[in-house]
């Protein structure tokens, strides 16, 4: 007897990204082109039907880009103190592709640097075809394309510092113009202002409308861009008018019903909530299985035993530094705040609750023995017995690593934000949510000379953390880490707060303090195909 979540179909690229072996991330062959071969000189515009289809295709591609564990996610998370992928025997070696990201020793030949460049540049070009005045696109499709183009160009601007821009009627013999970071910034802001005007509302609580761009989503992205504007234009300090606009944009988002929600891990379920501004119907399987041990759960054949977090990041959270235990119902046992999660000592008896199943007919909800948040210490089966690793040792995850290589199956704290028991491959990954907007507003207030303490404490109180007496920049960066871990923003945040180049465990000593690492290199293939591009300093 079982009750399943709504099944959501997703495109084949998303499926291929999640069905991976324990030590291998499935790669998709990329080219160095950022525009389809069939377009270029002689472009006469898209029909209304073709434009609508192209917008649908762009969202399908975003499903793959954001659902993946490599490429965009890896560049933004594995390059920080939040995530690392240690090599365990031969598992997750992959010729050092994961280790170099955490060490900051990547170069212009790194496959994920090339893949991300290709993916989002192509998105921008295809969105431009929909926006072009020769196309018979509806006003809504144009606004959606403006949102996607702004998002895609922001990714390139943020990661690489320069953005190639090809006109839709330019053929392959034309080298694309290259926008500087400041030029790209202005372009993105213009697109987002237009998108805000043209996109539909998708008010809270979240629904299927929140799976595409909306006024709130465009406002959110514009707030993020403006909050980082002083990094992008090199001014070094936030402009008061930009911070005022960030505050007003967040207020406008709140006016549509978005608000902080109690029950932290419920936000990441495939159910309506007031936090989710924009999600994609892409599988959350990568977020669940890439850190779990092979024997952690019976679901989908077990985990892939890769991704972990550093002890120093785990230690940002309140609670016993060595234990993170909890009852099966979520009651914490080690004084931890809600966001740090818990490790249960067994599973939850099956009651046919919404979204749960008992395919094993053992009387327990499938996957309910898997904890949430940060998994440290002994892990248990649904019947309360200790899980063993493959050599037969008790599966107790440790804080410490011997290094990025030479690890056993138990080293490293694992991270779980999406619950396996509510759908191992559910198509519902959150991209933008209100708690991030709330903290952006608090930061904009602080950067304008105001006091962010009350706003930060509103969130901390809701999450079961002790209120702070005052809030410094360090406090705010830490709070964003605690609230938004593995949500694609750690690199951006660390750069804005001047901490991306600081030392952390296993970073290469030569990379510490190296500001050139705040940008990724322009991929070698791109330099060869477009002489207007200039390699970033340090590469």
Protein backbone atom coordinates (compact mmCIF):
# COMPACT_ATOMS: atom_id res chain seq x y z
CA UNK A 1 0.00 0.00 0.00
CA UNK A 2 1.46 3.37 -0.92
CA UNK A 3 0.69 6.94 -1.75
CA UNK A 4 2.93 8.73 -4.18
CA UNK A 5 3.59 12.33 -4.98
CA UNK A 6 2.37 13.80 -8.22
CA UNK A 7 4.64 12.47 -10.95
CA UNK A 8 6.19 15.23 -13.02
CA UNK A 9 7.68 14.53 -16.39
CA UNK A 10 10.98 16.21 -17.09
CA UNK A 11 13.14 16.40 -20.14
CA UNK A 12 15.64 13.68 -21.01
CA UNK A 13 18.65 15.89 -20.25
CA UNK A 14 17.50 16.24 -16.65
CA UNK A 15 16.97 12.50 -16.35
CA UNK A 16 20.39 11.77 -17.75
CA UNK A 17 22.00 14.08 -15.24
CA UNK A 18 20.67 12.23 -12.23
CA UNK A 19 20.99 8.62 -13.26
CA UNK A 20 24.70 8.40 -12.56
CA UNK A 21 26.98 5.85 -11.04
CA UNK A 22 28.43 6.36 -7.59
CA UNK A 23 31.71 7.81 -8.76
CA UNK A 24 30.91 9.17 -12.20
CA UNK A 25 28.92 12.21 -13.24
CA UNK A 26 27.33 11.60 -16.63
CA UNK A 27 28.70 14.11 -19.13
CA UNK A 28 26.88 15.58 -22.09
CA UNK A 29 29.04 16.34 -25.10
CA UNK A 30 29.41 20.09 -25.51
CA UNK A 31 30.55 22.25 -28.39
CA UNK A 32 32.17 25.66 -28.21
CA UNK A 33 29.32 27.29 -30.12
CA UNK A 34 26.82 29.55 -28.41
CA UNK A 35 24.27 29.64 -31.20
CA UNK A 36 22.39 27.00 -33.21
CA UNK A 37 23.91 26.22 -36.58
CA UNK A 38 20.66 26.72 -38.44
CA UNK A 39 20.36 30.38 -37.44
CA UNK A 40 22.43 33.37 -38.45
CA UNK A 41 22.50 35.34 -41.69
CA UNK A 42 19.05 35.52 -43.22
CA UNK A 43 17.19 35.20 -39.93
CA UNK A 44 13.59 36.15 -40.73
CA UNK A 45 12.11 35.75 -37.29
CA UNK A 46 10.20 33.00 -35.52
CA UNK A 47 6.53 32.31 -35.93
CA UNK A 48 4.30 32.68 -32.87
CA UNK A 49 4.20 28.91 -32.53
CA UNK A 50 7.97 28.57 -32.90
CA UNK A 51 8.56 31.30 -30.31
CA UNK A 52 6.32 29.58 -27.78
CA UNK A 53 8.07 26.29 -28.45
CA UNK A 54 11.48 27.96 -28.06
CA UNK A 55 10.54 29.39 -24.67
CA UNK A 56 9.39 25.94 -23.56
CA UNK A 57 12.66 24.50 -24.81
CA UNK A 58 14.66 27.11 -22.92
CA UNK A 59 12.95 26.21 -19.66
CA UNK A 60 13.56 22.52 -20.38
CA UNK A 61 17.25 23.31 -20.82
CA UNK A 62 17.30 25.24 -17.55
CA UNK A 63 15.96 22.09 -15.90
CA UNK A 64 19.13 20.32 -16.94
CA UNK A 65 21.46 23.20 -16.11
CA UNK A 66 20.14 23.64 -12.57
CA UNK A 67 19.35 20.01 -11.82
CA UNK A 68 22.89 18.86 -12.55
CA UNK A 69 25.49 18.25 -9.85
CA UNK A 70 28.31 19.39 -12.13
CA UNK A 71 28.73 22.55 -14.22
CA UNK A 72 26.78 25.52 -12.77
CA UNK A 73 26.18 23.91 -9.37
CA UNK A 74 29.77 22.76 -9.03
CA UNK A 75 31.23 26.15 -10.01
CA UNK A 76 29.12 27.87 -7.36
CA UNK A 77 29.24 25.33 -4.52
CA UNK A 78 32.19 22.92 -4.83
CA UNK A 79 34.45 25.96 -5.21
CA UNK A 80 33.48 27.12 -1.69
CA UNK A 81 33.63 25.97 1.93
CA UNK A 82 30.14 24.45 1.60
CA UNK A 83 30.88 21.47 -0.64
CA UNK A 84 33.79 19.23 -1.55
CA UNK A 85 33.97 15.93 -3.40
CA UNK A 86 36.79 13.88 -1.87
CA UNK A 87 38.18 10.90 -3.76
CA UNK A 88 37.31 7.63 -1.99
CA UNK A 89 39.63 4.94 -3.31
CA UNK A 90 39.06 5.38 -7.01
CA UNK A 91 35.51 6.68 -6.60
CA UNK A 92 35.00 10.33 -7.53
CA UNK A 93 38.56 10.68 -8.80
CA UNK A 94 37.43 11.74 -12.27
CA UNK A 95 40.93 13.01 -13.15
CA UNK A 96 40.76 15.64 -10.41
CA UNK A 97 37.86 17.58 -11.91
CA UNK A 98 36.16 17.96 -8.50
CA UNK A 99 39.32 18.45 -6.43
CA UNK A 100 40.62 21.34 -8.53
CA UNK A 101 37.40 23.28 -7.94
CA UNK A 102 37.70 23.04 -4.17
CA UNK A 103 41.44 23.76 -4.27
CA UNK A 104 41.06 26.73 -6.64
CA UNK A 105 43.55 25.22 -9.06
CA UNK A 106 41.26 25.04 -12.09
CA UNK A 107 42.39 26.30 -15.49
CA UNK A 108 40.89 27.24 -18.85
CA UNK A 109 40.60 23.60 -19.90
CA UNK A 110 38.28 22.61 -17.02
CA UNK A 111 35.27 20.81 -18.49
CA UNK A 112 32.69 22.40 -16.19
CA UNK A 113 34.02 25.87 -16.98
CA UNK A 114 33.48 25.15 -20.68
CA UNK A 115 30.11 23.45 -20.26
CA UNK A 116 28.61 26.28 -18.21
CA UNK A 117 29.93 28.88 -20.65
CA UNK A 118 28.35 27.05 -23.59
CA UNK A 119 25.04 26.33 -21.90
CA UNK A 120 24.19 29.83 -20.74
CA UNK A 121 25.58 31.64 -23.78
CA UNK A 122 23.40 29.47 -25.97
CA UNK A 123 20.40 30.25 -23.75
CA UNK A 124 20.98 33.97 -24.23
CA UNK A 125 21.20 33.64 -28.02
CA UNK A 126 18.05 31.56 -28.32
CA UNK A 127 16.17 33.97 -26.05
CA UNK A 128 17.29 36.82 -28.32
CA UNK A 129 15.62 35.09 -31.26
CA UNK A 130 12.30 35.17 -29.41
CA UNK A 131 12.79 38.83 -28.42
CA UNK A 132 13.81 39.97 -31.92
CA UNK A 133 11.26 42.31 -33.53
CA UNK A 134 11.09 40.11 -36.64
CA UNK A 135 9.67 37.26 -34.57
CA UNK A 136 5.91 37.01 -34.06
CA UNK A 137 6.29 36.32 -30.36
CA UNK A 138 3.51 37.05 -27.91
CA UNK A 139 4.11 39.68 -25.25
CA UNK A 140 4.29 36.96 -22.61
CA UNK A 141 6.84 34.93 -24.56
CA UNK A 142 8.97 38.05 -25.06
CA UNK A 143 8.89 38.76 -21.33
CA UNK A 144 9.80 35.15 -20.52
CA UNK A 145 12.68 35.32 -22.99
CA UNK A 146 13.88 38.59 -21.44
CA UNK A 147 13.91 36.94 -18.03
CA UNK A 148 15.83 33.90 -19.34
CA UNK A 149 18.28 36.07 -21.30
CA UNK A 150 18.92 38.25 -18.24
CA UNK A 151 19.44 35.18 -16.07
CA UNK A 152 21.78 33.57 -18.59
CA UNK A 153 23.82 36.72 -19.23
CA UNK A 154 24.05 37.31 -15.48
CA UNK A 155 25.51 33.81 -15.03
CA UNK A 156 28.17 34.52 -17.68
CA UNK A 157 28.89 38.03 -16.37
CA UNK A 158 29.14 36.83 -12.78
CA UNK A 159 31.32 33.79 -13.48
CA UNK A 160 33.50 35.06 -16.32
CA UNK A 161 33.38 38.87 -16.22
CA UNK A 162 32.69 39.38 -19.94
CA UNK A 163 29.79 38.37 -22.14
CA UNK A 164 29.92 37.61 -25.87
CA UNK A 165 26.81 38.81 -27.65
CA UNK A 166 25.90 37.64 -31.14
CA UNK A 167 23.10 39.28 -33.08
CA UNK A 168 20.54 36.73 -34.26
CA UNK A 169 21.24 37.43 -37.94
CA UNK A 170 25.03 37.13 -37.66
CA UNK A 171 26.44 33.97 -39.16
CA UNK A 172 29.36 31.89 -37.92
CA UNK A 173 31.80 33.98 -39.94
CA UNK A 174 31.10 36.94 -37.62
CA UNK A 175 33.00 37.09 -34.34
CA UNK A 176 30.52 38.04 -31.60
CA UNK A 177 30.91 41.40 -29.93
CA UNK A 178 32.05 41.12 -26.31
CA UNK A 179 30.34 43.16 -23.62
CA UNK A 180 32.42 44.33 -20.69
CA UNK A 181 31.11 43.52 -17.24
CA UNK A 182 29.65 47.02 -16.89
CA UNK A 183 28.03 46.90 -20.34
CA UNK A 184 26.57 43.48 -19.59
CA UNK A 185 25.31 44.73 -16.23
CA UNK A 186 23.37 47.55 -17.91
CA UNK A 187 21.98 45.13 -20.52
CA UNK A 188 20.80 42.72 -17.84
CA UNK A 189 19.12 45.43 -15.78
CA UNK A 190 17.28 46.69 -18.87
CA UNK A 191 16.04 43.19 -19.68
CA UNK A 192 14.86 42.64 -16.12
CA UNK A 193 13.01 45.94 -15.94
CA UNK A 194 11.19 44.98 -19.14
CA UNK A 195 10.51 41.47 -17.83
CA UNK A 196 9.02 42.82 -14.61
CA UNK A 197 6.59 44.85 -16.68
CA UNK A 198 5.64 42.02 -19.04
CA UNK A 199 5.66 38.88 -16.90
CA UNK A 200 2.55 37.58 -15.17
CA UNK A 201 2.17 37.51 -11.41
CA UNK A 202 2.67 34.21 -9.60
CA UNK A 203 1.58 35.06 -6.12
CA UNK A 204 2.29 32.98 -3.03
CA UNK A 205 1.63 30.30 -1.98
CA UNK A 206 3.60 28.61 -4.72
CA UNK A 207 1.85 26.70 -7.48
CA UNK A 208 2.61 25.49 -10.98
CA UNK A 209 2.75 29.17 -12.01
CA UNK A 210 6.00 29.50 -10.04
CA UNK A 211 7.75 27.07 -12.38
CA UNK A 212 8.33 29.88 -14.91
CA UNK A 213 9.42 33.47 -14.72
CA UNK A 214 7.09 35.86 -12.95
CA UNK A 215 7.16 39.45 -11.75
CA UNK A 216 8.41 38.25 -8.39
CA UNK A 217 11.16 36.10 -9.94
CA UNK A 218 12.38 38.99 -12.13
CA UNK A 219 12.32 41.35 -9.13
CA UNK A 220 14.30 38.81 -7.12
CA UNK A 221 16.98 38.48 -9.81
CA UNK A 222 17.20 42.25 -10.22
CA UNK A 223 17.65 42.62 -6.45
CA UNK A 224 20.48 40.07 -6.54
CA UNK A 225 22.17 41.85 -9.45
CA UNK A 226 21.92 45.26 -7.75
CA UNK A 227 23.16 43.89 -4.43
CA UNK A 228 26.33 42.76 -6.26
CA UNK A 229 26.57 45.80 -8.54
CA UNK A 230 29.53 47.31 -6.68
CA UNK A 231 31.43 44.09 -7.35
CA UNK A 232 30.50 44.04 -11.01
CA UNK A 233 31.32 47.70 -11.74
CA UNK A 234 34.43 47.70 -9.56
CA UNK A 235 33.37 50.64 -7.40
CA UNK A 236 34.08 48.69 -4.22
CA UNK A 237 31.18 50.08 -2.22
CA UNK A 238 27.43 49.77 -2.57
CA UNK A 239 25.53 52.77 -3.94
CA UNK A 240 22.74 54.01 -1.67
CA UNK A 241 20.25 54.25 -4.54
CA UNK A 242 20.95 50.64 -5.56
CA UNK A 243 20.41 49.47 -1.99
CA UNK A 244 17.17 51.44 -1.79
CA UNK A 245 16.00 49.69 -4.96
CA UNK A 246 16.88 46.28 -3.49
CA UNK A 247 14.73 47.09 -0.47
CA UNK A 248 11.82 48.24 -2.60
CA UNK A 249 12.04 45.17 -4.86
CA UNK A 250 11.86 42.84 -1.85
CA UNK A 251 8.91 44.82 -0.50
CA UNK A 252 7.16 44.40 -3.85
CA UNK A 253 7.79 40.65 -3.69
CA UNK A 254 6.31 40.55 -0.18
CA UNK A 255 3.26 42.46 -1.41
CA UNK A 256 2.42 39.46 -3.61
CA UNK A 257 2.08 37.28 -0.52
CA UNK A 258 5.61 35.88 -0.20
CA UNK A 259 6.81 35.52 3.38
CA UNK A 260 9.06 33.52 5.66
CA UNK A 261 7.59 30.12 6.45
CA UNK A 262 7.92 27.99 9.55
CA UNK A 263 9.07 24.39 9.11
CA UNK A 264 12.41 24.74 7.33
CA UNK A 265 12.65 21.38 5.57
CA UNK A 266 8.98 21.44 4.56
CA UNK A 267 9.90 24.30 2.21
CA UNK A 268 11.82 21.80 0.09
CA UNK A 269 8.91 19.44 -0.37
CA UNK A 270 6.79 19.36 -3.52
CA UNK A 271 3.98 21.23 -1.78
CA UNK A 272 2.70 24.80 -1.78
CA UNK A 273 4.46 27.29 0.48
CA UNK A 274 4.94 31.03 0.87
CA UNK A 275 8.72 30.88 0.39
CA UNK A 276 9.11 29.51 -3.14
CA UNK A 277 9.36 32.34 -5.66
CA UNK A 278 10.71 30.25 -8.55
CA UNK A 279 11.33 26.52 -8.84
CA UNK A 280 12.11 24.28 -11.77
CA UNK A 281 10.45 20.89 -12.40
CA UNK A 282 13.85 19.22 -12.49
CA UNK A 283 14.73 16.18 -10.45
CA UNK A 284 16.19 16.70 -6.96
CA UNK A 285 17.90 13.31 -7.18
CA UNK A 286 21.38 14.80 -7.42
CA UNK A 287 20.85 16.82 -4.24
CA UNK A 288 19.77 13.68 -2.38
CA UNK A 289 21.97 10.86 -3.62
CA UNK A 290 25.34 12.41 -4.39
CA UNK A 291 26.20 12.56 -0.69
CA UNK A 292 24.46 9.50 0.70
CA UNK A 293 26.40 6.30 1.23
CA UNK A 294 25.65 3.33 -1.01
CA UNK A 295 23.83 1.68 1.92
CA UNK A 296 22.09 4.77 3.31
CA UNK A 297 18.70 3.91 1.85
CA UNK A 298 16.90 1.24 -0.12
CA UNK A 299 15.52 3.91 -2.44
CA UNK A 300 16.87 3.89 -5.99
CA UNK A 301 19.62 1.45 -5.13
CA UNK A 302 21.30 3.66 -2.53
CA UNK A 303 23.51 6.71 -2.66
CA UNK A 304 26.61 7.62 -4.67
CA UNK A 305 28.86 8.51 -1.69
CA UNK A 306 30.51 11.66 -3.00
CA UNK A 307 29.64 15.17 -1.85
CA UNK A 308 30.41 16.29 1.71
CA UNK A 309 30.91 19.52 3.65
CA UNK A 310 33.78 20.94 5.69
CA UNK A 311 33.76 20.79 9.48
CA UNK A 312 34.22 24.56 9.60
CA UNK A 313 30.98 25.10 7.70
CA UNK A 314 29.07 22.65 9.88
CA UNK A 315 30.40 24.49 12.93
CA UNK A 316 28.61 27.69 11.87
CA UNK A 317 25.40 26.16 13.22
CA UNK A 318 24.27 26.03 16.84
CA UNK A 319 24.34 22.68 18.60
CA UNK A 320 26.66 19.96 19.85
CA UNK A 321 29.68 20.08 17.53
CA UNK A 322 30.03 16.29 17.56
CA UNK A 323 26.42 15.10 17.37
CA UNK A 324 23.32 16.01 15.38
CA UNK A 325 20.77 13.47 16.59
CA UNK A 326 17.01 13.72 16.50
CA UNK A 327 13.85 11.73 16.97
CA UNK A 328 12.13 10.32 13.90
CA UNK A 329 9.53 13.11 14.16
CA UNK A 330 12.27 15.76 13.95
CA UNK A 331 12.60 16.59 17.65
CA UNK A 332 16.27 17.55 18.07
CA UNK A 333 18.38 15.94 20.78
CA UNK A 334 21.66 17.87 20.63
CA UNK A 335 20.56 21.48 21.01
CA UNK A 336 20.86 22.15 17.30
CA UNK A 337 18.97 24.83 15.44
CA UNK A 338 16.37 23.58 12.98
CA UNK A 339 18.42 24.25 9.86
CA UNK A 340 21.23 21.95 10.96
CA UNK A 341 18.73 19.10 10.77
CA UNK A 342 19.00 15.78 12.54
CA UNK A 343 19.99 12.12 12.22
CA UNK A 344 17.18 9.76 13.34
CA UNK A 345 17.86 6.44 15.08
CA UNK A 346 15.37 4.61 12.88
CA UNK A 347 12.54 5.02 10.43
CA UNK A 348 8.99 6.32 10.71
CA UNK A 349 6.14 3.76 10.88
CA UNK A 350 4.16 3.80 7.65
CA UNK A 351 0.74 5.45 8.01
CA UNK A 352 -0.01 6.22 4.33
CA UNK A 353 0.73 9.90 4.89
CA UNK A 354 0.72 12.13 1.83
CA UNK A 355 3.82 11.70 -0.30
CA UNK A 356 5.10 8.55 1.44
CA UNK A 357 5.37 4.90 0.43
CA UNK A 358 6.29 1.48 1.77
CA UNK A 359 7.38 -0.48 -1.26
CA UNK A 360 9.40 -2.83 0.95
CA UNK A 361 6.32 -3.71 3.04
CA UNK A 362 8.45 -3.54 6.19
CA UNK A 363 6.06 -1.21 8.02
CA UNK A 364 8.23 1.90 7.65
CA UNK A 365 8.16 4.85 5.27
CA UNK A 366 10.77 4.25 2.58
CA UNK A 367 13.79 6.46 3.17
CA UNK A 368 12.56 7.77 6.53
CA UNK A 369 15.77 6.62 8.22
CA UNK A 370 17.69 9.24 6.22
CA UNK A 371 18.14 12.40 8.22
CA UNK A 372 17.88 15.98 7.05
CA UNK A 373 20.39 18.79 7.05
CA UNK A 374 23.85 17.60 8.09
CA UNK A 375 24.43 13.88 8.58
CA UNK A 376 27.19 13.16 11.10
CA UNK A 377 27.86 10.14 13.28
CA UNK A 378 26.18 6.74 13.19
CA UNK A 379 23.49 6.18 10.55
CA UNK A 380 20.61 3.74 11.08
CA UNK A 381 18.29 1.52 9.07
CA UNK A 382 14.52 1.98 9.28
CA UNK A 383 14.32 -0.83 11.87
CA UNK A 384 16.86 0.90 14.11
CA UNK A 385 19.86 -1.32 13.40
CA UNK A 386 23.19 0.27 12.54
CA UNK A 387 23.99 0.72 8.87
CA UNK A 388 27.33 -0.74 7.83
CA UNK A 389 29.63 0.42 5.06
CA UNK A 390 30.64 -2.05 2.36
CA UNK A 391 33.71 -3.39 4.23
CA UNK A 392 31.46 -4.01 7.27
CA UNK A 393 32.34 -1.01 9.49
CA UNK A 394 29.63 0.95 11.29
CA UNK A 395 28.55 3.73 8.95
CA UNK A 396 29.41 6.74 11.10
CA UNK A 397 30.16 9.89 9.11
CA UNK A 398 33.13 11.85 10.45
CA UNK A 399 33.94 15.57 10.48
CA UNK A 400 37.52 15.06 9.37
CA UNK A 401 39.21 13.95 6.17
CA UNK A 402 42.75 12.66 5.68
CA UNK A 403 42.85 14.84 2.56
CA UNK A 404 41.07 15.23 -0.75
CA UNK A 405 42.38 11.76 -1.65
CA UNK A 406 42.80 8.59 0.41
CA UNK A 407 39.35 8.71 1.99
CA UNK A 408 37.28 5.75 3.13
CA UNK A 409 33.52 5.44 2.71
CA UNK A 410 32.74 7.18 6.01
CA UNK A 411 34.73 10.42 5.90
CA UNK A 412 32.83 13.68 5.65
CA UNK A 413 29.56 15.15 6.88
CA UNK A 414 26.82 14.69 4.27
CA UNK A 415 24.19 17.28 3.34
CA UNK A 416 20.49 16.57 2.76
CA UNK A 417 18.04 19.38 2.04
CA UNK A 418 15.47 17.45 0.03
CA UNK A 419 13.97 14.41 1.79
CA UNK A 420 14.34 11.09 0.00
CA UNK A 421 11.19 9.75 1.67
CA UNK A 422 9.02 12.37 -0.08
CA UNK A 423 10.21 11.48 -3.55
CA UNK A 424 13.70 10.40 -4.47
CA UNK A 425 13.55 12.04 -7.91
CA UNK A 426 10.77 14.59 -7.48
CA UNK A 427 10.76 17.33 -10.10
CA UNK A 428 10.78 20.35 -7.80
CA UNK A 429 14.04 22.21 -7.17
CA UNK A 430 13.88 25.67 -5.64
CA UNK A 431 15.91 28.35 -7.44
CA UNK A 432 14.69 31.56 -5.75
CA UNK A 433 12.96 31.79 -2.39
CA UNK A 434 11.80 34.49 -0.04
CA UNK A 435 14.24 33.90 2.83
CA UNK A 436 17.03 34.86 0.42
CA UNK A 437 15.12 38.01 -0.52
CA UNK A 438 14.55 38.76 3.19
CA UNK A 439 18.30 38.53 3.85
CA UNK A 440 19.05 40.61 0.74
CA UNK A 441 16.86 43.35 2.15
CA UNK A 442 18.62 43.11 5.53
CA UNK A 443 21.99 43.37 3.80
CA UNK A 444 20.87 46.35 1.71
CA UNK A 445 19.77 48.07 4.91
CA UNK A 446 23.16 47.37 6.52
CA UNK A 447 25.08 48.57 3.45
CA UNK A 448 23.00 51.77 3.59
CA UNK A 449 24.08 52.44 7.18
CA UNK A 450 21.04 50.83 8.82
CA UNK A 451 20.74 48.08 11.41
CA UNK A 452 19.93 44.61 10.07
CA UNK A 453 19.69 42.96 13.49
CA UNK A 454 15.91 42.83 13.80
CA UNK A 455 15.43 41.33 10.33
CA UNK A 456 18.12 38.69 10.86
CA UNK A 457 16.65 37.81 14.25
CA UNK A 458 13.18 37.43 12.75
CA UNK A 459 14.61 34.63 10.63
CA UNK A 460 16.76 33.13 13.38
CA UNK A 461 13.83 32.97 15.80
CA UNK A 462 11.71 31.23 13.20
CA UNK A 463 14.50 28.67 12.65
CA UNK A 464 15.02 27.93 16.34
CA UNK A 465 18.35 29.78 16.63
CA UNK A 466 19.36 32.18 19.41
CA UNK A 467 18.80 35.86 18.50
CA UNK A 468 21.93 37.95 17.98
CA UNK A 469 22.69 41.07 19.97
CA UNK A 470 23.94 42.84 16.85
CA UNK A 471 24.70 41.92 13.25
CA UNK A 472 28.03 42.50 11.52
CA UNK A 473 28.95 41.71 7.94
CA UNK A 474 30.42 38.41 9.14
CA UNK A 475 27.20 37.58 10.98
CA UNK A 476 25.19 38.26 7.84
CA UNK A 477 27.41 36.13 5.61
CA UNK A 478 27.22 33.32 8.15
CA UNK A 479 23.44 33.64 8.34
CA UNK A 480 23.14 33.42 4.58
CA UNK A 481 25.28 30.27 4.71
CA UNK A 482 23.09 28.70 7.38
CA UNK A 483 19.86 29.50 5.56
CA UNK A 484 20.85 29.00 1.92
CA UNK A 485 23.41 26.20 1.85
CA UNK A 486 23.61 24.27 -1.45
CA UNK A 487 21.22 26.74 -3.14
CA UNK A 488 23.70 27.99 -5.78
CA UNK A 489 24.68 31.25 -3.99
CA UNK A 490 27.68 30.57 -1.73
CA UNK A 491 30.35 31.67 -4.22
CA UNK A 492 28.50 34.91 -5.06
CA UNK A 493 28.03 35.67 -1.37
CA UNK A 494 31.64 34.97 -0.42
CA UNK A 495 32.92 37.23 -3.18
CA UNK A 496 30.59 40.07 -2.12
CA UNK A 497 31.76 39.79 1.48
CA UNK A 498 35.43 39.52 0.46
CA UNK A 499 35.94 35.94 1.63
CA UNK A 500 36.12 33.79 -1.50
CA UNK A 501 39.92 33.99 -1.55
CA UNK A 502 40.43 33.27 2.17
CA UNK A 503 41.97 30.02 3.31
CA UNK A 504 39.91 26.93 4.08
CA UNK A 505 40.70 23.25 4.43
CA UNK A 506 42.40 21.75 1.37
CA UNK A 507 42.58 24.99 -0.59
CA UNK A 508 45.88 25.26 -2.44
CA UNK A 509 48.17 27.68 -0.54
CA UNK A 510 49.01 29.44 -3.77
CA UNK A 511 45.35 30.32 -4.30
CA UNK A 512 44.85 31.95 -0.89
CA UNK A 513 44.45 35.70 -1.38
CA UNK A 514 44.47 35.37 -5.18
CA UNK A 515 41.75 37.76 -6.36
CA UNK A 516 42.00 36.46 -9.92
CA UNK A 517 40.10 33.36 -8.73
CA UNK A 518 36.99 35.51 -8.29
CA UNK A 519 36.50 35.02 -12.04
CA UNK A 520 36.72 31.78 -13.94
CA UNK A 521 38.89 31.67 -17.07
CA UNK A 522 37.45 32.10 -20.51
CA UNK A 523 37.48 28.52 -21.89
CA UNK A 524 40.27 27.76 -24.33
CA UNK A 525 37.79 26.70 -27.03
CA UNK A 526 35.97 30.04 -26.74
CA UNK A 527 39.20 32.01 -27.10
CA UNK A 528 40.07 30.08 -30.24
CA UNK A 529 36.65 30.65 -31.79
CA UNK A 530 36.30 34.36 -30.95
CA UNK A 531 39.40 36.60 -31.00
CA UNK A 532 37.34 39.44 -29.46
CA UNK A 533 37.54 37.60 -26.14
CA UNK A 534 40.53 38.30 -23.89
CA UNK A 535 41.63 35.83 -21.23
CA UNK A 536 40.99 36.93 -17.67
CA UNK A 537 44.01 37.90 -15.53
CA UNK A 538 45.71 35.03 -13.74
CA UNK A 539 45.10 32.48 -16.48
